[in-house]
Amino acid sequence: MAKQIPFETTLKALGDETSGFSERYLNHFTDLTPANLSALMALWPTLSKKRRHNLLQRLNERYTEDTLLSFDVLAAALLSDPDEVTRLQALRLLAETEDIRLIPTLVKISENDSGDDARRAAIVLLGNYIRLDALEEIPEERVKPAQEALLRIYATASPALQRAALEALGYLHNKEISGFITSALQKRDPDWLTSALTAIARSANAQWAEEVLAHLDNAHPAIRRAAIVASGELGLSAARQPLLDLLEEEDDDEIALAAVWSLSLIGGEGVLEMLEILIDDAEDSEDETLQEFLDDALINLEFTEETAALDLLALDPDDEDDLLKKSRKRH
């Protein structure tokens, strides 16, 4: 068994800016104990900005590779850092956080931070809490400040931040937010239309089906992708054939993968066959990342098909709610 490296050794290596900082130390910043966090925060002001930024960038890269890691303790401690880049990178490390104690701090950043990038990142995180509230996983009263802040931002902030707030508010299912979406659709501005479709994807409301279907072949890539994602999130069976056809012609890999995932959420005729062909091609190309994605899509399709096979009319309302929650959690 490999000997565990003391955290003091990690801090010593971090503080020695005459040398590079080894990859083997990065995982030592997960789930920091109070004592280790205190020691790190004592060292932090003595580090150059370059050293701090480099560490946080590498932690974000590691977190992207393995979301089972948790840098929440460190990130939370850095949300009040005077350096804007540090705050932004800390916010990105909190992408999967469910810690409701952070809501007041995130509200403050979303409304008052000096940097729009940090404000936008905080808005995205507040949207995650709205999603968790919709799934009844956190107390509604604790999320209320997040909702109120997002509504204020939508009413008063710059257009870019308003759009971010609209996307975050998409998880709320009420007439007010539906009105915001309708207004954004009517603007016919590409950025607003993209945000409206993103909000629609989160709404779980099929009333927007016609609007979503109309943009599956939009010439604007961001709009097309947002419509594709929305078609899957809403489970629009009418989008199945257009998406299968799209895969034959789409040159944008990101959009093509979005279409594959949406099809795995919709299911039905031709989807399994399409996935099997893509999996065979991926195996031939030895693209492990693509293979993993397609395997996940296949698992998701199996879940979709199993759910569709149930006679939902025979289920209790509570059972239907549970199925919906499970479905949302998967994406």
Protein backbone atom coordinates (compact mmCIF):
# COMPACT_ATOMS: atom_id res chain seq x y z
CA MET A 1 0.00 0.00 0.00
CA ALA A 2 1.33 3.41 -1.01
CA LYS A 3 2.24 5.67 1.89
CA GLN A 4 -0.18 8.59 2.27
CA ILE A 5 1.46 11.96 1.72
CA PRO A 6 0.91 14.35 4.68
CA PHE A 7 -1.01 17.50 3.79
CA GLU A 8 1.91 19.52 5.15
CA THR A 9 4.03 18.07 2.34
CA THR A 10 1.38 19.12 -0.19
CA LEU A 11 1.39 22.68 1.18
CA LYS A 12 5.18 22.82 1.15
CA ALA A 13 5.21 21.78 -2.50
CA LEU A 14 2.50 24.33 -3.33
CA GLY A 15 4.43 27.10 -1.63
CA ASP A 16 7.67 26.29 -3.46
CA GLU A 17 7.14 28.32 -6.60
CA THR A 18 10.59 27.53 -7.91
CA SER A 19 9.23 24.11 -8.87
CA GLY A 20 6.15 22.81 -10.66
CA PHE A 21 3.29 21.41 -8.64
CA SER A 22 2.90 17.67 -9.14
CA GLU A 23 -0.36 16.09 -10.29
CA ARG A 24 -0.17 13.63 -7.43
CA TYR A 25 -1.06 16.37 -4.96
CA LEU A 26 -4.30 17.52 -6.60
CA ASN A 27 -6.61 14.97 -5.00
CA HIS A 28 -5.39 16.11 -1.59
CA PHE A 29 -7.64 19.16 -1.93
CA THR A 30 -10.83 17.11 -1.90
CA ASP A 31 -12.98 17.07 1.24
CA LEU A 32 -10.54 19.20 3.21
CA THR A 33 -10.70 18.89 6.97
CA PRO A 34 -11.08 22.14 8.97
CA ALA A 35 -7.45 21.93 10.06
CA ASN A 36 -6.16 21.41 6.50
CA LEU A 37 -8.37 24.19 5.15
CA SER A 38 -7.09 26.56 7.82
CA ALA A 39 -3.49 25.71 6.94
CA LEU A 40 -4.14 26.23 3.25
CA MET A 41 -5.88 29.56 3.81
CA ALA A 42 -2.90 30.73 5.88
CA LEU A 43 -0.61 29.94 2.95
CA TRP A 44 -2.96 31.27 0.25
CA PRO A 45 -2.12 35.03 0.45
CA THR A 46 1.59 34.27 0.14
CA LEU A 47 1.14 32.54 -3.22
CA SER A 48 1.43 34.45 -6.47
CA LYS A 49 -1.74 34.94 -8.51
CA LYS A 50 -0.25 32.76 -11.20
CA ARG A 51 0.25 29.90 -8.71
CA ARG A 52 -3.26 30.23 -7.31
CA HIS A 53 -4.91 30.45 -10.72
CA ASN A 54 -2.92 27.49 -12.01
CA LEU A 55 -3.91 25.34 -9.04
CA LEU A 56 -7.61 26.17 -9.38
CA GLN A 57 -7.57 25.62 -13.13
CA ARG A 58 -6.02 22.19 -12.65
CA LEU A 59 -8.52 21.34 -9.92
CA ASN A 60 -11.33 22.28 -12.30
CA GLU A 61 -9.84 20.04 -14.96
CA ARG A 62 -9.58 17.19 -12.47
CA TYR A 63 -13.15 17.81 -11.32
CA THR A 64 -14.37 17.66 -14.93
CA GLU A 65 -12.68 14.30 -15.31
CA ASP A 66 -14.08 12.90 -12.06
CA THR A 67 -17.18 14.54 -10.59
CA LEU A 68 -17.07 12.12 -7.66
CA LEU A 69 -14.35 14.36 -6.30
CA SER A 70 -15.52 17.23 -4.12
CA PHE A 71 -13.65 20.50 -3.80
CA ASP A 72 -16.65 22.20 -2.19
CA VAL A 73 -14.88 23.03 1.08
CA LEU A 74 -12.04 24.83 -0.68
CA ALA A 75 -14.31 26.50 -3.22
CA ALA A 76 -16.69 27.81 -0.57
CA ALA A 77 -13.78 29.36 1.30
CA LEU A 78 -12.66 31.20 -1.83
CA LEU A 79 -16.01 32.75 -2.80
CA SER A 80 -15.08 35.93 -0.97
CA ASP A 81 -11.55 36.10 -2.36
CA PRO A 82 -10.68 39.63 -3.60
CA ASP A 83 -9.42 38.23 -6.90
CA GLU A 84 -12.15 37.88 -9.54
CA VAL A 85 -10.51 34.99 -11.37
CA THR A 86 -10.20 33.07 -8.12
CA ARG A 87 -13.89 33.63 -7.34
CA LEU A 88 -14.90 32.48 -10.81
CA GLN A 89 -12.81 29.32 -10.64
CA ALA A 90 -14.18 28.58 -7.17
CA LEU A 91 -17.74 28.91 -8.49
CA ARG A 92 -16.96 26.44 -11.25
CA LEU A 93 -15.73 23.93 -8.67
CA LEU A 94 -19.21 24.07 -7.12
CA ALA A 95 -21.00 22.87 -10.26
CA GLU A 96 -22.60 19.89 -8.50
CA THR A 97 -22.99 21.32 -5.01
CA GLU A 98 -26.21 20.81 -3.07
CA ASP A 99 -25.07 22.74 0.00
CA ILE A 100 -27.97 25.09 0.72
CA ARG A 101 -25.81 27.03 3.18
CA LEU A 102 -24.12 28.62 0.15
CA ILE A 103 -27.31 30.20 -1.19
CA PRO A 104 -26.94 33.57 0.60
CA THR A 105 -23.35 33.94 -0.62
CA LEU A 106 -24.31 32.96 -4.17
CA VAL A 107 -27.20 35.44 -4.12
CA LYS A 108 -24.76 38.18 -3.11
CA ILE A 109 -22.33 37.27 -5.89
CA SER A 110 -25.08 36.97 -8.50
CA GLU A 111 -26.31 40.49 -7.77
CA ASN A 112 -23.25 42.41 -6.63
CA ASP A 113 -20.01 40.87 -7.89
CA SER A 114 -17.78 43.19 -9.91
CA GLY A 115 -17.36 40.59 -12.65
CA ASP A 116 -20.16 39.54 -14.99
CA ASP A 117 -18.57 36.11 -15.47
CA ALA A 118 -18.70 35.45 -11.74
CA ARG A 119 -22.26 36.75 -11.58
CA ARG A 120 -23.28 34.45 -14.42
CA ALA A 121 -21.62 31.45 -12.78
CA ALA A 122 -23.44 32.18 -9.52
CA ILE A 123 -26.74 32.46 -11.41
CA VAL A 124 -26.17 29.01 -12.90
CA LEU A 125 -25.59 27.58 -9.42
CA LEU A 126 -28.75 29.24 -8.11
CA GLY A 127 -30.59 27.53 -10.96
CA ASN A 128 -29.34 24.18 -9.66
CA TYR A 129 -31.05 24.88 -6.35
CA ILE A 130 -34.27 25.73 -8.20
CA ARG A 131 -33.99 22.35 -9.92
CA LEU A 132 -33.50 20.57 -6.60
CA ASP A 133 -36.52 22.37 -5.21
CA ALA A 134 -38.60 21.23 -8.20
CA LEU A 135 -37.52 17.68 -7.38
CA GLU A 136 -38.54 18.28 -3.75
CA GLU A 137 -35.04 17.43 -2.60
CA ILE A 138 -34.46 20.60 -0.56
CA PRO A 139 -36.86 22.75 1.49
CA GLU A 140 -38.74 25.29 -0.60
CA GLU A 141 -38.33 28.03 2.00
CA ARG A 142 -34.53 27.73 1.79
CA VAL A 143 -34.64 28.25 -1.99
CA LYS A 144 -36.91 31.30 -1.84
CA PRO A 145 -34.00 33.79 -1.67
CA ALA A 146 -32.52 32.24 -4.82
CA GLN A 147 -35.81 32.60 -6.69
CA GLU A 148 -36.23 36.19 -5.56
CA ALA A 149 -32.68 37.09 -6.59
CA LEU A 150 -33.10 35.53 -10.03
CA LEU A 151 -36.34 37.45 -10.56
CA ARG A 152 -34.61 40.71 -9.60
CA ILE A 153 -31.76 39.96 -12.00
CA TYR A 154 -34.19 39.17 -14.80
CA ALA A 155 -35.93 42.50 -14.19
CA THR A 156 -32.93 44.78 -13.83
CA ALA A 157 -29.62 43.33 -15.03
CA SER A 158 -27.83 43.47 -18.39
CA PRO A 159 -29.32 41.36 -21.21
CA ALA A 160 -26.66 38.66 -20.85
CA LEU A 161 -27.39 38.24 -17.15
CA GLN A 162 -31.13 38.44 -17.77
CA ARG A 163 -30.81 35.54 -20.17
CA ALA A 164 -28.83 33.53 -17.62
CA ALA A 165 -31.53 34.22 -15.04
CA LEU A 166 -34.25 33.13 -17.47
CA GLU A 167 -32.47 29.82 -18.05
CA ALA A 168 -32.13 29.29 -14.29
CA LEU A 169 -35.77 30.15 -13.72
CA GLY A 170 -36.87 27.60 -16.32
CA TYR A 171 -37.13 24.98 -13.58
CA LEU A 172 -40.02 26.92 -12.06
CA HIS A 173 -43.36 25.85 -13.47
CA ASN A 174 -45.63 28.88 -13.21
CA LYS A 175 -47.38 31.43 -15.40
CA GLU A 176 -44.90 34.19 -14.65
CA ILE A 177 -41.94 32.24 -16.00
CA SER A 178 -44.02 31.04 -18.96
CA GLY A 179 -44.63 34.70 -19.71
CA PHE A 180 -40.88 35.39 -19.62
CA ILE A 181 -40.27 32.53 -22.04
CA THR A 182 -42.96 33.78 -24.41
CA SER A 183 -41.44 37.25 -24.34
CA ALA A 184 -37.97 35.85 -25.09
CA LEU A 185 -39.31 33.81 -28.02
CA GLN A 186 -40.97 36.88 -29.47
CA LYS A 187 -37.71 38.83 -29.50
CA ARG A 188 -36.41 36.57 -32.28
CA ASP A 189 -32.90 37.50 -31.18
CA PRO A 190 -30.61 34.43 -31.45
CA ASP A 191 -29.26 34.75 -27.92
CA TRP A 192 -32.70 35.25 -26.39
CA LEU A 193 -34.15 32.43 -28.47
CA THR A 194 -31.39 30.09 -27.30
CA SER A 195 -32.04 31.00 -23.66
CA ALA A 196 -35.79 30.60 -24.13
CA LEU A 197 -35.31 27.09 -25.54
CA THR A 198 -32.95 26.26 -22.68
CA ALA A 199 -35.59 27.38 -20.19
CA ILE A 200 -38.19 25.33 -22.08
CA ALA A 201 -35.95 22.25 -21.79
CA ARG A 202 -36.06 22.69 -18.02
CA SER A 203 -39.77 23.43 -17.81
CA ALA A 204 -41.06 19.84 -18.24
CA ASN A 205 -43.96 21.47 -20.10
CA ALA A 206 -44.94 20.11 -23.49
CA GLN A 207 -46.94 23.26 -24.28
CA TRP A 208 -43.78 24.47 -26.05
CA ALA A 209 -43.55 21.45 -28.37
CA GLU A 210 -44.42 23.33 -31.55
CA GLU A 211 -41.80 26.00 -30.88
CA VAL A 212 -39.15 23.39 -30.14
CA LEU A 213 -39.88 21.34 -33.25
CA ALA A 214 -39.76 24.45 -35.40
CA HIS A 215 -36.12 25.07 -34.49
CA LEU A 216 -34.63 21.59 -34.83
CA ASP A 217 -33.19 22.57 -38.19
CA ASN A 218 -32.41 26.20 -37.34
CA ALA A 219 -29.33 27.46 -39.18
CA HIS A 220 -27.95 28.99 -35.98
CA PRO A 221 -25.94 26.22 -34.19
CA ALA A 222 -26.71 27.39 -30.64
CA ILE A 223 -30.44 27.60 -31.36
CA ARG A 224 -30.44 24.22 -33.13
CA ARG A 225 -28.63 22.58 -30.22
CA ALA A 226 -30.95 24.16 -27.62
CA ALA A 227 -33.99 22.92 -29.55
CA ILE A 228 -32.49 19.43 -29.81
CA VAL A 229 -31.85 19.32 -26.07
CA ALA A 230 -35.36 20.60 -25.35
CA SER A 231 -36.92 17.94 -27.59
CA GLY A 232 -35.26 15.24 -25.52
CA GLU A 233 -36.00 16.78 -22.14
CA LEU A 234 -39.66 17.10 -23.09
CA GLY A 235 -39.71 13.60 -24.60
CA LEU A 236 -41.19 14.80 -27.90
CA SER A 237 -41.88 11.72 -30.02
CA ALA A 238 -42.52 14.01 -33.00
CA ALA A 239 -38.83 14.94 -32.87
CA ARG A 240 -37.64 11.34 -33.30
CA GLN A 241 -37.48 11.18 -37.08
CA PRO A 242 -36.14 14.74 -37.53
CA LEU A 243 -33.34 13.92 -35.10
CA LEU A 244 -32.54 10.63 -36.82
CA ASP A 245 -32.43 12.50 -40.14
CA LEU A 246 -30.26 15.22 -38.59
CA LEU A 247 -27.63 12.67 -37.58
CA GLU A 248 -27.16 11.78 -41.23
CA GLU A 249 -26.13 15.34 -42.11
CA GLU A 250 -24.92 17.14 -38.96
CA ASP A 251 -21.28 18.27 -39.16
CA ASP A 252 -21.10 19.71 -35.66
CA ASP A 253 -20.03 16.88 -33.32
CA GLU A 254 -21.41 18.59 -30.21
CA ILE A 255 -24.81 19.00 -31.81
CA ALA A 256 -24.77 15.43 -33.10
CA LEU A 257 -24.06 14.11 -29.61
CA ALA A 258 -26.87 16.26 -28.22
CA ALA A 259 -29.18 14.66 -30.78
CA VAL A 260 -28.06 11.17 -29.76
CA TRP A 261 -28.76 11.91 -26.10
CA SER A 262 -32.16 13.41 -26.87
CA LEU A 263 -33.06 10.34 -28.89
CA SER A 264 -32.11 8.20 -25.91
CA LEU A 265 -34.64 10.20 -23.89
CA ILE A 266 -37.35 9.89 -26.54
CA GLY A 267 -36.85 6.27 -27.57
CA GLY A 268 -38.99 4.46 -30.10
CA GLU A 269 -38.53 3.01 -33.56
CA GLY A 270 -35.08 3.28 -35.07
CA VAL A 271 -33.29 4.68 -32.01
CA LEU A 272 -31.74 1.44 -30.77
CA GLU A 273 -30.58 0.56 -34.28
CA MET A 274 -28.99 4.00 -34.63
CA LEU A 275 -27.16 3.63 -31.33
CA GLU A 276 -25.86 0.16 -32.21
CA ILE A 277 -24.41 1.48 -35.47
CA LEU A 278 -22.74 4.40 -33.70
CA ILE A 279 -21.33 2.10 -31.00
CA ASP A 280 -19.83 -0.19 -33.65
CA ASP A 281 -18.26 2.82 -35.41
CA ALA A 282 -16.87 4.13 -32.13
CA GLU A 283 -15.31 0.75 -31.33
CA ASP A 284 -13.66 0.72 -34.74
CA SER A 285 -12.25 4.22 -34.14
CA GLU A 286 -11.06 3.29 -30.61
CA ASP A 287 -12.47 6.57 -29.30
CA GLU A 288 -12.92 5.67 -25.63
CA THR A 289 -14.61 8.94 -24.68
CA LEU A 290 -17.20 8.51 -27.41
CA GLN A 291 -17.68 4.85 -26.50
CA GLU A 292 -18.39 5.79 -22.88
CA PHE A 293 -20.89 8.44 -23.96
CA LEU A 294 -22.70 6.03 -26.27
CA ASP A 295 -22.78 3.34 -23.58
CA ASP A 296 -24.42 5.86 -21.25
CA ALA A 297 -26.89 6.77 -23.98
CA LEU A 298 -27.74 3.09 -24.44
CA ILE A 299 -28.38 2.70 -20.70
CA ASN A 300 -30.53 5.81 -20.79
CA LEU A 301 -32.49 4.46 -23.76
CA GLU A 302 -33.16 1.23 -21.87
CA PHE A 303 -34.52 3.27 -18.95
CA THR A 304 -36.67 5.31 -21.34
CA GLU A 305 -38.08 2.22 -23.02
CA GLU A 306 -38.78 0.51 -19.69
CA THR A 307 -40.61 3.58 -18.44
CA ALA A 308 -42.63 3.85 -21.64
CA ALA A 309 -43.66 0.21 -21.30
CA LEU A 310 -45.41 0.91 -18.03
CA ASP A 311 -49.07 1.68 -18.06
CA LEU A 312 -48.79 5.07 -16.40
CA LEU A 313 -52.56 5.37 -16.19
CA ALA A 314 -52.58 2.44 -13.81
CA LEU A 315 -50.04 4.02 -11.49
CA ASP A 316 -50.76 6.09 -8.45
CA PRO A 317 -49.99 9.79 -8.86
CA ASP A 318 -47.13 9.42 -6.37
CA ASP A 319 -45.58 6.70 -8.53
CA GLU A 320 -45.79 8.94 -11.59
CA ASP A 321 -44.05 11.73 -9.67
CA ASP A 322 -41.26 9.35 -8.68
CA LEU A 323 -40.71 8.31 -12.29
CA LEU A 324 -40.55 11.93 -13.40
CA LYS A 325 -38.01 12.75 -10.70
CA LYS A 326 -35.83 9.78 -11.65
CA SER A 327 -35.95 10.82 -15.29
CA ARG A 328 -34.93 14.38 -14.51
CA LYS A 329 -32.07 13.24 -12.31
CA ARG A 330 -30.59 11.29 -15.19
CA HIS A 331 -30.16 14.47 -17.19
